[in-house]
Amino acid sequence: RAHEVFARIVPHLDEEDHARFSGHLQPIFTDNYATVPHASI
């Protein structure tokens, strides 16, 4: 539920913090919401 709330700050981040977000937090949220069907596993 938090990933869409976090997305609100992305346009307001400077280049350095945008890189920090993309490199460290975005992979966590992507891993969490991009789960796959049980049949795929």
PDB file of all heavy atoms in Angstrom:
ATOM      1  N   ARG A   1       0.820  -1.213   0.000  1.00  0.00           N
ATOM      2  CA  ARG A   1       0.000   0.000   0.000  1.00  0.00           C
ATOM      3  C   ARG A   1       0.855   1.265   0.000  1.00  0.00           C
ATOM      4  O   ARG A   1       0.403   2.326  -0.438  1.00  0.00           O
ATOM      5  CB  ARG A   1      -0.922  -0.010   1.222  1.00  0.00           C
ATOM      6  CG  ARG A   1      -2.036  -1.061   1.135  1.00  0.00           C
ATOM      7  CD  ARG A   1      -2.791  -1.169   2.439  1.00  0.00           C
ATOM      8  NE  ARG A   1      -1.976  -1.776   3.486  1.00  0.00           N
ATOM      9  CZ  ARG A   1      -2.294  -1.795   4.772  1.00  0.00           C
ATOM     10  NH1 ARG A   1      -3.419  -1.232   5.182  1.00  0.00           N
ATOM     11  NH2 ARG A   1      -1.512  -2.367   5.652  1.00  0.00           N
ATOM     12  N   ALA A   2       2.088   1.157   0.492  1.00  0.00           N
ATOM     13  CA  ALA A   2       2.940   2.346   0.629  1.00  0.00           C
ATOM     14  C   ALA A   2       3.567   2.799  -0.681  1.00  0.00           C
ATOM     15  O   ALA A   2       3.935   3.968  -0.816  1.00  0.00           O
ATOM     16  CB  ALA A   2       4.036   2.086   1.661  1.00  0.00           C
ATOM     17  N   HIS A   3       3.692   1.892  -1.648  1.00  0.00           N
ATOM     18  CA  HIS A   3       4.464   2.277  -2.839  1.00  0.00           C
ATOM     19  C   HIS A   3       3.805   3.415  -3.607  1.00  0.00           C
ATOM     20  O   HIS A   3       4.488   4.300  -4.137  1.00  0.00           O
ATOM     21  CB  HIS A   3       4.728   1.060  -3.730  1.00  0.00           C
ATOM     22  CG  HIS A   3       3.610   0.678  -4.655  1.00  0.00           C
ATOM     23  ND1 HIS A   3       2.621  -0.206  -4.311  1.00  0.00           N
ATOM     24  CD2 HIS A   3       3.338   1.060  -5.930  1.00  0.00           C
ATOM     25  CE1 HIS A   3       1.795  -0.358  -5.320  1.00  0.00           C
ATOM     26  NE2 HIS A   3       2.198   0.400  -6.315  1.00  0.00           N
ATOM     27  N   GLU A   4       2.468   3.440  -3.671  1.00  0.00           N
ATOM     28  CA  GLU A   4       1.813   4.524  -4.396  1.00  0.00           C
ATOM     29  C   GLU A   4       1.896   5.841  -3.637  1.00  0.00           C
ATOM     30  O   GLU A   4       1.919   6.911  -4.244  1.00  0.00           O
ATOM     31  CB  GLU A   4       0.353   4.147  -4.664  1.00  0.00           C
ATOM     32  CG  GLU A   4       0.212   3.006  -5.660  1.00  0.00           C
ATOM     33  CD  GLU A   4      -1.233   2.683  -5.965  1.00  0.00           C
ATOM     34  OE1 GLU A   4      -2.109   3.104  -5.193  1.00  0.00           O
ATOM     35  OE2 GLU A   4      -1.484   2.014  -6.986  1.00  0.00           O
ATOM     36  N   VAL A   5       1.941   5.770  -2.321  1.00  0.00           N
ATOM     37  CA  VAL A   5       2.116   6.988  -1.524  1.00  0.00           C
ATOM     38  C   VAL A   5       3.526   7.526  -1.730  1.00  0.00           C
ATOM     39  O   VAL A   5       3.739   8.732  -1.900  1.00  0.00           O
ATOM     40  CB  VAL A   5       1.849   6.708  -0.035  1.00  0.00           C
ATOM     41  CG1 VAL A   5       1.971   7.990   0.782  1.00  0.00           C
ATOM     42  CG2 VAL A   5       0.458   6.098   0.158  1.00  0.00           C
ATOM     43  N   PHE A   6       4.505   6.625  -1.721  1.00  0.00           N
ATOM     44  CA  PHE A   6       5.898   7.041  -1.951  1.00  0.00           C
ATOM     45  C   PHE A   6       6.053   7.694  -3.324  1.00  0.00           C
ATOM     46  O   PHE A   6       6.840   8.635  -3.496  1.00  0.00           O
ATOM     47  CB  PHE A   6       6.825   5.828  -1.852  1.00  0.00           C
ATOM     48  CG  PHE A   6       7.817   5.921  -0.732  1.00  0.00           C
ATOM     49  CD1 PHE A   6       7.736   5.071   0.352  1.00  0.00           C
ATOM     50  CD2 PHE A   6       8.841   6.850  -0.754  1.00  0.00           C
ATOM     51  CE1 PHE A   6       8.646   5.145   1.398  1.00  0.00           C
ATOM     52  CE2 PHE A   6       9.758   6.938   0.276  1.00  0.00           C
ATOM     53  CZ  PHE A   6       9.653   6.087   1.361  1.00  0.00           C
ATOM     54  N   ALA A   7       5.297   7.197  -4.302  1.00  0.00           N
ATOM     55  CA  ALA A   7       5.429   7.723  -5.662  1.00  0.00           C
ATOM     56  C   ALA A   7       5.132   9.216  -5.734  1.00  0.00           C
ATOM     57  O   ALA A   7       5.618   9.904  -6.636  1.00  0.00           O
ATOM     58  CB  ALA A   7       4.510   6.964  -6.610  1.00  0.00           C
ATOM     59  N   ARG A   8       4.372   9.748  -4.780  1.00  0.00           N
ATOM     60  CA  ARG A   8       4.014  11.163  -4.813  1.00  0.00           C
ATOM     61  C   ARG A   8       5.224  12.079  -4.658  1.00  0.00           C
ATOM     62  O   ARG A   8       5.210  13.215  -5.135  1.00  0.00           O
ATOM     63  CB  ARG A   8       2.997  11.471  -3.710  1.00  0.00           C
ATOM     64  CG  ARG A   8       1.653  10.779  -3.908  1.00  0.00           C
ATOM     65  CD  ARG A   8       0.671  11.164  -2.812  1.00  0.00           C
ATOM     66  NE  ARG A   8       0.342  12.588  -2.854  1.00  0.00           N
ATOM     67  CZ  ARG A   8      -0.601  13.118  -3.606  1.00  0.00           C
ATOM     68  NH1 ARG A   8      -1.310  12.344  -4.409  1.00  0.00           N
ATOM     69  NH2 ARG A   8      -0.850  14.412  -3.570  1.00  0.00           N
ATOM     70  N   ILE A   9       6.271  11.583  -4.005  1.00  0.00           N
ATOM     71  CA  ILE A   9       7.421  12.462  -3.775  1.00  0.00           C
ATOM     72  C   ILE A   9       8.405  12.453  -4.934  1.00  0.00           C
ATOM     73  O   ILE A   9       9.260  13.340  -5.026  1.00  0.00           O
ATOM     74  CB  ILE A   9       8.168  12.103  -2.469  1.00  0.00           C
ATOM     75  CG1 ILE A   9       8.963  10.784  -2.622  1.00  0.00           C
ATOM     76  CG2 ILE A   9       7.217  12.034  -1.284  1.00  0.00           C
ATOM     77  CD1 ILE A   9       9.937  10.516  -1.507  1.00  0.00           C
ATOM     78  N   VAL A  10       8.309  11.459  -5.824  1.00  0.00           N
ATOM     79  CA  VAL A  10       9.336  11.286  -6.861  1.00  0.00           C
ATOM     80  C   VAL A  10       9.544  12.543  -7.697  1.00  0.00           C
ATOM     81  O   VAL A  10      10.694  12.957  -7.934  1.00  0.00           O
ATOM     82  CB  VAL A  10       9.009  10.064  -7.744  1.00  0.00           C
ATOM     83  CG1 VAL A  10       9.971   9.977  -8.931  1.00  0.00           C
ATOM     84  CG2 VAL A  10       9.087   8.773  -6.917  1.00  0.00           C
ATOM     85  N   PRO A  11       8.488  13.221  -8.180  1.00  0.00           N
ATOM     86  CA  PRO A  11       8.730  14.425  -8.991  1.00  0.00           C
ATOM     87  C   PRO A  11       9.401  15.561  -8.225  1.00  0.00           C
ATOM     88  O   PRO A  11       9.910  16.508  -8.848  1.00  0.00           O
ATOM     89  CB  PRO A  11       7.312  14.840  -9.429  1.00  0.00           C
ATOM     90  CG  PRO A  11       6.469  13.627  -9.249  1.00  0.00           C
ATOM     91  CD  PRO A  11       7.047  12.907  -8.083  1.00  0.00           C
ATOM     92  N   HIS A  12       9.398  15.490  -6.899  1.00  0.00           N
ATOM     93  CA  HIS A  12       9.945  16.570  -6.082  1.00  0.00           C
ATOM     94  C   HIS A  12      11.364  16.284  -5.579  1.00  0.00           C
ATOM     95  O   HIS A  12      11.934  17.109  -4.854  1.00  0.00           O
ATOM     96  CB  HIS A  12       9.015  16.822  -4.883  1.00  0.00           C
ATOM     97  CG  HIS A  12       7.591  17.074  -5.271  1.00  0.00           C
ATOM     98  ND1 HIS A  12       7.145  18.292  -5.728  1.00  0.00           N
ATOM     99  CD2 HIS A  12       6.517  16.238  -5.307  1.00  0.00           C
ATOM    100  CE1 HIS A  12       5.856  18.210  -6.008  1.00  0.00           C
ATOM    101  NE2 HIS A  12       5.447  16.975  -5.762  1.00  0.00           N
ATOM    102  N   LEU A  13      11.926  15.140  -5.947  1.00  0.00           N
ATOM    103  CA  LEU A  13      13.271  14.785  -5.493  1.00  0.00           C
ATOM    104  C   LEU A  13      14.321  15.407  -6.404  1.00  0.00           C
ATOM    105  O   LEU A  13      14.133  15.492  -7.623  1.00  0.00           O
ATOM    106  CB  LEU A  13      13.440  13.260  -5.494  1.00  0.00           C
ATOM    107  CG  LEU A  13      12.524  12.453  -4.561  1.00  0.00           C
ATOM    108  CD1 LEU A  13      12.763  10.956  -4.755  1.00  0.00           C
ATOM    109  CD2 LEU A  13      12.740  12.852  -3.102  1.00  0.00           C
ATOM    110  N   ASP A  14      15.438  15.824  -5.794  1.00  0.00           N
ATOM    111  CA  ASP A  14      16.544  16.292  -6.619  1.00  0.00           C
ATOM    112  C   ASP A  14      17.238  15.080  -7.229  1.00  0.00           C
ATOM    113  O   ASP A  14      16.903  13.925  -6.936  1.00  0.00           O
ATOM    114  CB  ASP A  14      17.516  17.154  -5.808  1.00  0.00           C
ATOM    115  CG  ASP A  14      18.129  16.433  -4.612  1.00  0.00           C
ATOM    116  OD1 ASP A  14      18.264  15.185  -4.652  1.00  0.00           O
ATOM    117  OD2 ASP A  14      18.462  17.113  -3.613  1.00  0.00           O
ATOM    118  N   GLU A  15      18.214  15.324  -8.085  1.00  0.00           N
ATOM    119  CA  GLU A  15      18.843  14.238  -8.838  1.00  0.00           C
ATOM    120  C   GLU A  15      19.496  13.214  -7.912  1.00  0.00           C
ATOM    121  O   GLU A  15      19.389  11.996  -8.128  1.00  0.00           O
ATOM    122  CB  GLU A  15      19.873  14.815  -9.805  1.00  0.00           C
ATOM    123  CG  GLU A  15      20.430  13.789 -10.780  1.00  0.00           C
ATOM    124  CD  GLU A  15      21.272  14.416 -11.871  1.00  0.00           C
ATOM    125  OE1 GLU A  15      21.273  15.670 -11.981  1.00  0.00           O
ATOM    126  OE2 GLU A  15      21.915  13.668 -12.619  1.00  0.00           O
ATOM    127  N   GLU A  16      20.148  13.682  -6.856  1.00  0.00           N
ATOM    128  CA  GLU A  16      20.824  12.760  -5.942  1.00  0.00           C
ATOM    129  C   GLU A  16      19.829  11.865  -5.213  1.00  0.00           C
ATOM    130  O   GLU A  16      20.000  10.642  -5.140  1.00  0.00           O
ATOM    131  CB  GLU A  16      21.652  13.546  -4.923  1.00  0.00           C
ATOM    132  CG  GLU A  16      22.382  12.646  -3.929  1.00  0.00           C
ATOM    133  CD  GLU A  16      23.188  13.435  -2.901  1.00  0.00           C
ATOM    134  OE1 GLU A  16      23.335  14.666  -3.089  1.00  0.00           O
ATOM    135  OE2 GLU A  16      23.653  12.838  -1.924  1.00  0.00           O
ATOM    136  N   ASP A  17      18.763  12.460  -4.664  1.00  0.00           N
ATOM    137  CA  ASP A  17      17.778  11.657  -3.939  1.00  0.00           C
ATOM    138  C   ASP A  17      16.956  10.789  -4.883  1.00  0.00           C
ATOM    139  O   ASP A  17      16.508   9.697  -4.492  1.00  0.00           O
ATOM    140  CB  ASP A  17      16.859  12.553  -3.105  1.00  0.00           C
ATOM    141  CG  ASP A  17      17.459  12.892  -1.751  1.00  0.00           C
ATOM    142  OD1 ASP A  17      18.497  12.289  -1.400  1.00  0.00           O
ATOM    143  OD2 ASP A  17      16.909  13.757  -1.044  1.00  0.00           O
ATOM    144  N   HIS A  18      16.756  11.241  -6.098  1.00  0.00           N
ATOM    145  CA  HIS A  18      16.057  10.396  -7.067  1.00  0.00           C
ATOM    146  C   HIS A  18      16.877   9.142  -7.333  1.00  0.00           C
ATOM    147  O   HIS A  18      16.323   8.028  -7.425  1.00  0.00           O
ATOM    148  CB  HIS A  18      15.816  11.155  -8.373  1.00  0.00           C
ATOM    149  CG  HIS A  18      14.877  10.454  -9.319  1.00  0.00           C
ATOM    150  ND1 HIS A  18      15.278   9.426 -10.124  1.00  0.00           N
ATOM    151  CD2 HIS A  18      13.548  10.626  -9.570  1.00  0.00           C
ATOM    152  CE1 HIS A  18      14.258   8.997 -10.843  1.00  0.00           C
ATOM    153  NE2 HIS A  18      13.195   9.710 -10.527  1.00  0.00           N
ATOM    154  N   ALA A  19      18.195   9.292  -7.432  1.00  0.00           N
ATOM    155  CA  ALA A  19      19.067   8.132  -7.639  1.00  0.00           C
ATOM    156  C   ALA A  19      19.031   7.208  -6.417  1.00  0.00           C
ATOM    157  O   ALA A  19      19.037   5.977  -6.552  1.00  0.00           O
ATOM    158  CB  ALA A  19      20.496   8.587  -7.925  1.00  0.00           C
ATOM    159  N   ARG A  20      18.988   7.777  -5.216  1.00  0.00           N
ATOM    160  CA  ARG A  20      18.901   6.954  -4.003  1.00  0.00           C
ATOM    161  C   ARG A  20      17.582   6.180  -3.970  1.00  0.00           C
ATOM    162  O   ARG A  20      17.554   4.991  -3.637  1.00  0.00           O
ATOM    163  CB  ARG A  20      19.015   7.829  -2.753  1.00  0.00           C
ATOM    164  CG  ARG A  20      20.369   8.494  -2.550  1.00  0.00           C
ATOM    165  CD  ARG A  20      20.304   9.446  -1.368  1.00  0.00           C
ATOM    166  NE  ARG A  20      20.082   8.730  -0.101  1.00  0.00           N
ATOM    167  CZ  ARG A  20      19.424   9.230   0.938  1.00  0.00           C
ATOM    168  NH1 ARG A  20      18.886  10.455   0.853  1.00  0.00           N
ATOM    169  NH2 ARG A  20      19.282   8.534   2.033  1.00  0.00           N
ATOM    170  N   PHE A  21      16.510   6.870  -4.299  1.00  0.00           N
ATOM    171  CA  PHE A  21      15.208   6.210  -4.323  1.00  0.00           C
ATOM    172  C   PHE A  21      15.203   5.076  -5.355  1.00  0.00           C
ATOM    173  O   PHE A  21      14.778   3.953  -5.059  1.00  0.00           O
ATOM    174  CB  PHE A  21      14.116   7.225  -4.653  1.00  0.00           C
ATOM    175  CG  PHE A  21      12.761   6.599  -4.850  1.00  0.00           C
ATOM    176  CD1 PHE A  21      11.967   6.287  -3.760  1.00  0.00           C
ATOM    177  CD2 PHE A  21      12.288   6.315  -6.133  1.00  0.00           C
ATOM    178  CE1 PHE A  21      10.708   5.692  -3.940  1.00  0.00           C
ATOM    179  CE2 PHE A  21      11.049   5.733  -6.321  1.00  0.00           C
ATOM    180  CZ  PHE A  21      10.257   5.419  -5.222  1.00  0.00           C
ATOM    181  N   SER A  22      15.676   5.366  -6.569  1.00  0.00           N
ATOM    182  CA  SER A  22      15.666   4.367  -7.642  1.00  0.00           C
ATOM    183  C   SER A  22      16.554   3.182  -7.327  1.00  0.00           C
ATOM    184  O   SER A  22      16.217   2.040  -7.656  1.00  0.00           O
ATOM    185  CB  SER A  22      16.108   5.005  -8.967  1.00  0.00           C
ATOM    186  OG  SER A  22      15.243   6.058  -9.326  1.00  0.00           O
ATOM    187  N   GLY A  23      17.680   3.442  -6.670  1.00  0.00           N
ATOM    188  CA  GLY A  23      18.640   2.381  -6.419  1.00  0.00           C
ATOM    189  C   GLY A  23      18.338   1.522  -5.208  1.00  0.00           C
ATOM    190  O   GLY A  23      18.721   0.344  -5.163  1.00  0.00           O
ATOM    191  N   HIS A  24      17.645   2.086  -4.207  1.00  0.00           N
ATOM    192  CA  HIS A  24      17.484   1.366  -2.941  1.00  0.00           C
ATOM    193  C   HIS A  24      16.039   1.066  -2.559  1.00  0.00           C
ATOM    194  O   HIS A  24      15.762  -0.024  -2.029  1.00  0.00           O
ATOM    195  CB  HIS A  24      18.156   2.162  -1.815  1.00  0.00           C
ATOM    196  CG  HIS A  24      19.610   2.404  -2.033  1.00  0.00           C
ATOM    197  ND1 HIS A  24      20.563   1.410  -1.925  1.00  0.00           N
ATOM    198  CD2 HIS A  24      20.296   3.527  -2.388  1.00  0.00           C
ATOM    199  CE1 HIS A  24      21.757   1.906  -2.182  1.00  0.00           C
ATOM    200  NE2 HIS A  24      21.626   3.188  -2.473  1.00  0.00           N
ATOM    201  N   LEU A  25      15.122   1.985  -2.780  1.00  0.00           N
ATOM    202  CA  LEU A  25      13.741   1.762  -2.360  1.00  0.00           C
ATOM    203  C   LEU A  25      12.867   1.200  -3.483  1.00  0.00           C
ATOM    204  O   LEU A  25      12.040   0.309  -3.255  1.00  0.00           O
ATOM    205  CB  LEU A  25      13.123   3.057  -1.831  1.00  0.00           C
ATOM    206  CG  LEU A  25      13.680   3.571  -0.503  1.00  0.00           C
ATOM    207  CD1 LEU A  25      12.938   4.836  -0.076  1.00  0.00           C
ATOM    208  CD2 LEU A  25      13.571   2.507   0.591  1.00  0.00           C
ATOM    209  N   GLN A  26      13.035   1.712  -4.680  1.00  0.00           N
ATOM    210  CA  GLN A  26      12.194   1.243  -5.777  1.00  0.00           C
ATOM    211  C   GLN A  26      12.283  -0.267  -5.983  1.00  0.00           C
ATOM    212  O   GLN A  26      11.249  -0.912  -6.214  1.00  0.00           O
ATOM    213  CB  GLN A  26      12.542   1.980  -7.074  1.00  0.00           C
ATOM    214  CG  GLN A  26      11.586   1.666  -8.216  1.00  0.00           C
ATOM    215  CD  GLN A  26      11.843   2.523  -9.447  1.00  0.00           C
ATOM    216  OE1 GLN A  26      12.403   3.619  -9.364  1.00  0.00           O
ATOM    217  NE2 GLN A  26      11.436   2.028 -10.596  1.00  0.00           N
ATOM    218  N   PRO A  27      13.479  -0.895  -5.902  1.00  0.00           N
ATOM    219  CA  PRO A  27      13.528  -2.355  -6.057  1.00  0.00           C
ATOM    220  C   PRO A  27      12.710  -3.106  -5.011  1.00  0.00           C
ATOM    221  O   PRO A  27      12.164  -4.173  -5.305  1.00  0.00           O
ATOM    222  CB  PRO A  27      15.029  -2.671  -5.918  1.00  0.00           C
ATOM    223  CG  PRO A  27      15.723  -1.409  -6.312  1.00  0.00           C
ATOM    224  CD  PRO A  27      14.843  -0.312  -5.805  1.00  0.00           C
ATOM    225  N   ILE A  28      12.593  -2.553  -3.794  1.00  0.00           N
ATOM    226  CA  ILE A  28      11.798  -3.204  -2.751  1.00  0.00           C
ATOM    227  C   ILE A  28      10.326  -3.157  -3.116  1.00  0.00           C
ATOM    228  O   ILE A  28       9.617  -4.176  -3.062  1.00  0.00           O
ATOM    229  CB  ILE A  28      12.030  -2.506  -1.393  1.00  0.00           C
ATOM    230  CG1 ILE A  28      13.467  -2.680  -0.945  1.00  0.00           C
ATOM    231  CG2 ILE A  28      11.072  -3.050  -0.336  1.00  0.00           C
ATOM    232  CD1 ILE A  28      13.832  -1.837   0.256  1.00  0.00           C
ATOM    233  N   PHE A  29       9.848  -1.984  -3.486  1.00  0.00           N
ATOM    234  CA  PHE A  29       8.440  -1.852  -3.833  1.00  0.00           C
ATOM    235  C   PHE A  29       8.098  -2.680  -5.071  1.00  0.00           C
ATOM    236  O   PHE A  29       7.044  -3.319  -5.131  1.00  0.00           O
ATOM    237  CB  PHE A  29       8.090  -0.379  -4.066  1.00  0.00           C
ATOM    238  CG  PHE A  29       8.173   0.460  -2.826  1.00  0.00           C
ATOM    239  CD1 PHE A  29       8.995   1.580  -2.764  1.00  0.00           C
ATOM    240  CD2 PHE A  29       7.443   0.133  -1.696  1.00  0.00           C
ATOM    241  CE1 PHE A  29       9.066   2.354  -1.617  1.00  0.00           C
ATOM    242  CE2 PHE A  29       7.511   0.894  -0.540  1.00  0.00           C
ATOM    243  CZ  PHE A  29       8.325   2.013  -0.506  1.00  0.00           C
ATOM    244  N   THR A  30       8.999  -2.683  -6.052  1.00  0.00           N
ATOM    245  CA  THR A  30       8.761  -3.472  -7.260  1.00  0.00           C
ATOM    246  C   THR A  30       8.703  -4.955  -6.924  1.00  0.00           C
ATOM    247  O   THR A  30       7.828  -5.686  -7.406  1.00  0.00           O
ATOM    248  CB  THR A  30       9.851  -3.198  -8.306  1.00  0.00           C
ATOM    249  OG1 THR A  30       9.870  -1.801  -8.620  1.00  0.00           O
ATOM    250  CG2 THR A  30       9.590  -3.994  -9.575  1.00  0.00           C
ATOM    251  N   ASP A  31       9.623  -5.408  -6.088  1.00  0.00           N
ATOM    252  CA  ASP A  31       9.625  -6.809  -5.680  1.00  0.00           C
ATOM    253  C   ASP A  31       8.329  -7.172  -4.979  1.00  0.00           C
ATOM    254  O   ASP A  31       7.787  -8.270  -5.158  1.00  0.00           O
ATOM    255  CB  ASP A  31      10.819  -7.061  -4.754  1.00  0.00           C
ATOM    256  CG  ASP A  31      10.875  -8.491  -4.235  1.00  0.00           C
ATOM    257  OD1 ASP A  31      11.237  -9.387  -5.010  1.00  0.00           O
ATOM    258  OD2 ASP A  31      10.532  -8.710  -3.046  1.00  0.00           O
ATOM    259  N   ASN A  32       7.806  -6.250  -4.192  1.00  0.00           N
ATOM    260  CA  ASN A  32       6.612  -6.512  -3.397  1.00  0.00           C
ATOM    261  C   ASN A  32       5.344  -6.544  -4.247  1.00  0.00           C
ATOM    262  O   ASN A  32       4.521  -7.453  -4.122  1.00  0.00           O
ATOM    263  CB  ASN A  32       6.496  -5.459  -2.296  1.00  0.00           C
ATOM    264  CG  ASN A  32       5.232  -5.586  -1.476  1.00  0.00           C
ATOM    265  OD1 ASN A  32       4.213  -4.989  -1.801  1.00  0.00           O
ATOM    266  ND2 ASN A  32       5.289  -6.362  -0.407  1.00  0.00           N
ATOM    267  N   TYR A  33       5.171  -5.547  -5.141  1.00  0.00           N
ATOM    268  CA  TYR A  33       3.916  -5.510  -5.898  1.00  0.00           C
ATOM    269  C   TYR A  33       3.972  -6.366  -7.156  1.00  0.00           C
ATOM    270  O   TYR A  33       2.930  -6.701  -7.736  1.00  0.00           O
ATOM    271  CB  TYR A  33       3.468  -4.084  -6.227  1.00  0.00           C
ATOM    272  CG  TYR A  33       4.237  -3.352  -7.309  1.00  0.00           C
ATOM    273  CD1 TYR A  33       4.131  -3.704  -8.644  1.00  0.00           C
ATOM    274  CD2 TYR A  33       5.033  -2.250  -6.998  1.00  0.00           C
ATOM    275  CE1 TYR A  33       4.814  -3.026  -9.635  1.00  0.00           C
ATOM    276  CE2 TYR A  33       5.720  -1.555  -7.976  1.00  0.00           C
ATOM    277  CZ  TYR A  33       5.607  -1.936  -9.294  1.00  0.00           C
ATOM    278  OH  TYR A  33       6.281  -1.262 -10.268  1.00  0.00           O
ATOM    279  N   ALA A  34       5.168  -6.753  -7.592  1.00  0.00           N
ATOM    280  CA  ALA A  34       5.296  -7.552  -8.813  1.00  0.00           C
ATOM    281  C   ALA A  34       5.390  -9.040  -8.494  1.00  0.00           C
ATOM    282  O   ALA A  34       6.099  -9.789  -9.176  1.00  0.00           O
ATOM    283  CB  ALA A  34       6.505  -7.090  -9.621  1.00  0.00           C
ATOM    284  N   THR A  35       4.682  -9.476  -7.456  1.00  0.00           N
ATOM    285  CA  THR A  35       4.598 -10.905  -7.209  1.00  0.00           C
ATOM    286  C   THR A  35       3.886 -11.566  -8.381  1.00  0.00           C
ATOM    287  O   THR A  35       3.188 -10.906  -9.157  1.00  0.00           O
ATOM    288  CB  THR A  35       3.836 -11.181  -5.903  1.00  0.00           C
ATOM    289  OG1 THR A  35       2.566 -10.526  -5.953  1.00  0.00           O
ATOM    290  CG2 THR A  35       4.625 -10.679  -4.689  1.00  0.00           C
ATOM    291  N   VAL A  36       4.053 -12.872  -8.501  1.00  0.00           N
ATOM    292  CA  VAL A  36       3.579 -13.553  -9.703  1.00  0.00           C
ATOM    293  C   VAL A  36       2.615 -14.677  -9.331  1.00  0.00           C
ATOM    294  O   VAL A  36       2.573 -15.138  -8.185  1.00  0.00           O
ATOM    295  CB  VAL A  36       4.760 -14.109 -10.525  1.00  0.00           C
ATOM    296  CG1 VAL A  36       5.688 -12.982 -10.962  1.00  0.00           C
ATOM    297  CG2 VAL A  36       5.529 -15.160  -9.742  1.00  0.00           C
ATOM    298  N   PRO A  37       1.825 -15.130 -10.303  1.00  0.00           N
ATOM    299  CA  PRO A  37       0.899 -16.232 -10.037  1.00  0.00           C
ATOM    300  C   PRO A  37       1.613 -17.467  -9.505  1.00  0.00           C
ATOM    301  O   PRO A  37       2.754 -17.759  -9.879  1.00  0.00           O
ATOM    302  CB  PRO A  37       0.282 -16.504 -11.418  1.00  0.00           C
ATOM    303  CG  PRO A  37       0.412 -15.220 -12.163  1.00  0.00           C
ATOM    304  CD  PRO A  37       1.701 -14.618 -11.681  1.00  0.00           C
ATOM    305  N   HIS A  38       0.934 -18.192  -8.655  1.00  0.00           N
ATOM    306  CA  HIS A  38       1.533 -19.412  -8.096  1.00  0.00           C
ATOM    307  C   HIS A  38       1.931 -20.387  -9.197  1.00  0.00           C
ATOM    308  O   HIS A  38       2.956 -21.071  -9.103  1.00  0.00           O
ATOM    309  CB  HIS A  38       0.548 -20.073  -7.136  1.00  0.00           C
ATOM    310  CG  HIS A  38       0.249 -19.234  -5.931  1.00  0.00           C
ATOM    311  ND1 HIS A  38      -0.580 -19.662  -4.914  1.00  0.00           N
ATOM    312  CD2 HIS A  38       0.660 -17.996  -5.546  1.00  0.00           C
ATOM    313  CE1 HIS A  38      -0.663 -18.739  -3.983  1.00  0.00           C
ATOM    314  NE2 HIS A  38       0.077 -17.706  -4.357  1.00  0.00           N
ATOM    315  N   ALA A  39       1.120 -20.442 -10.261  1.00  0.00           N
ATOM    316  CA  ALA A  39       1.432 -21.351 -11.362  1.00  0.00           C
ATOM    317  C   ALA A  39       2.755 -21.007 -12.027  1.00  0.00           C
ATOM    318  O   ALA A  39       3.466 -21.896 -12.512  1.00  0.00           O
ATOM    319  CB  ALA A  39       0.300 -21.332 -12.392  1.00  0.00           C
ATOM    320  N   SER A  40       3.109 -19.729 -12.061  1.00  0.00           N
ATOM    321  CA  SER A  40       4.385 -19.325 -12.667  1.00  0.00           C
ATOM    322  C   SER A  40       5.553 -19.855 -11.853  1.00  0.00           C
ATOM    323  O   SER A  40       6.555 -20.333 -12.412  1.00  0.00           O
ATOM    324  CB  SER A  40       4.448 -17.795 -12.770  1.00  0.00           C
ATOM    325  OG  SER A  40       3.453 -17.299 -13.639  1.00  0.00           O
ATOM    326  N   ILE A  41       5.448 -19.774 -10.518  1.00  0.00           N
ATOM    327  CA  ILE A  41       6.500 -20.317  -9.662  1.00  0.00           C
ATOM    328  C   ILE A  41       6.572 -21.835  -9.818  1.00  0.00           C
ATOM    329  O   ILE A  41       7.665 -22.419  -9.917  1.00  0.00           O
ATOM    330  CB  ILE A  41       6.248 -19.950  -8.185  1.00  0.00           C
ATOM    331  CG1 ILE A  41       6.214 -18.424  -8.010  1.00  0.00           C
ATOM    332  CG2 ILE A  41       7.306 -20.572  -7.281  1.00  0.00           C
ATOM    333  CD1 ILE A  41       7.521 -17.734  -8.288  1.00  0.00           C
TER     334      ILE A  41
END
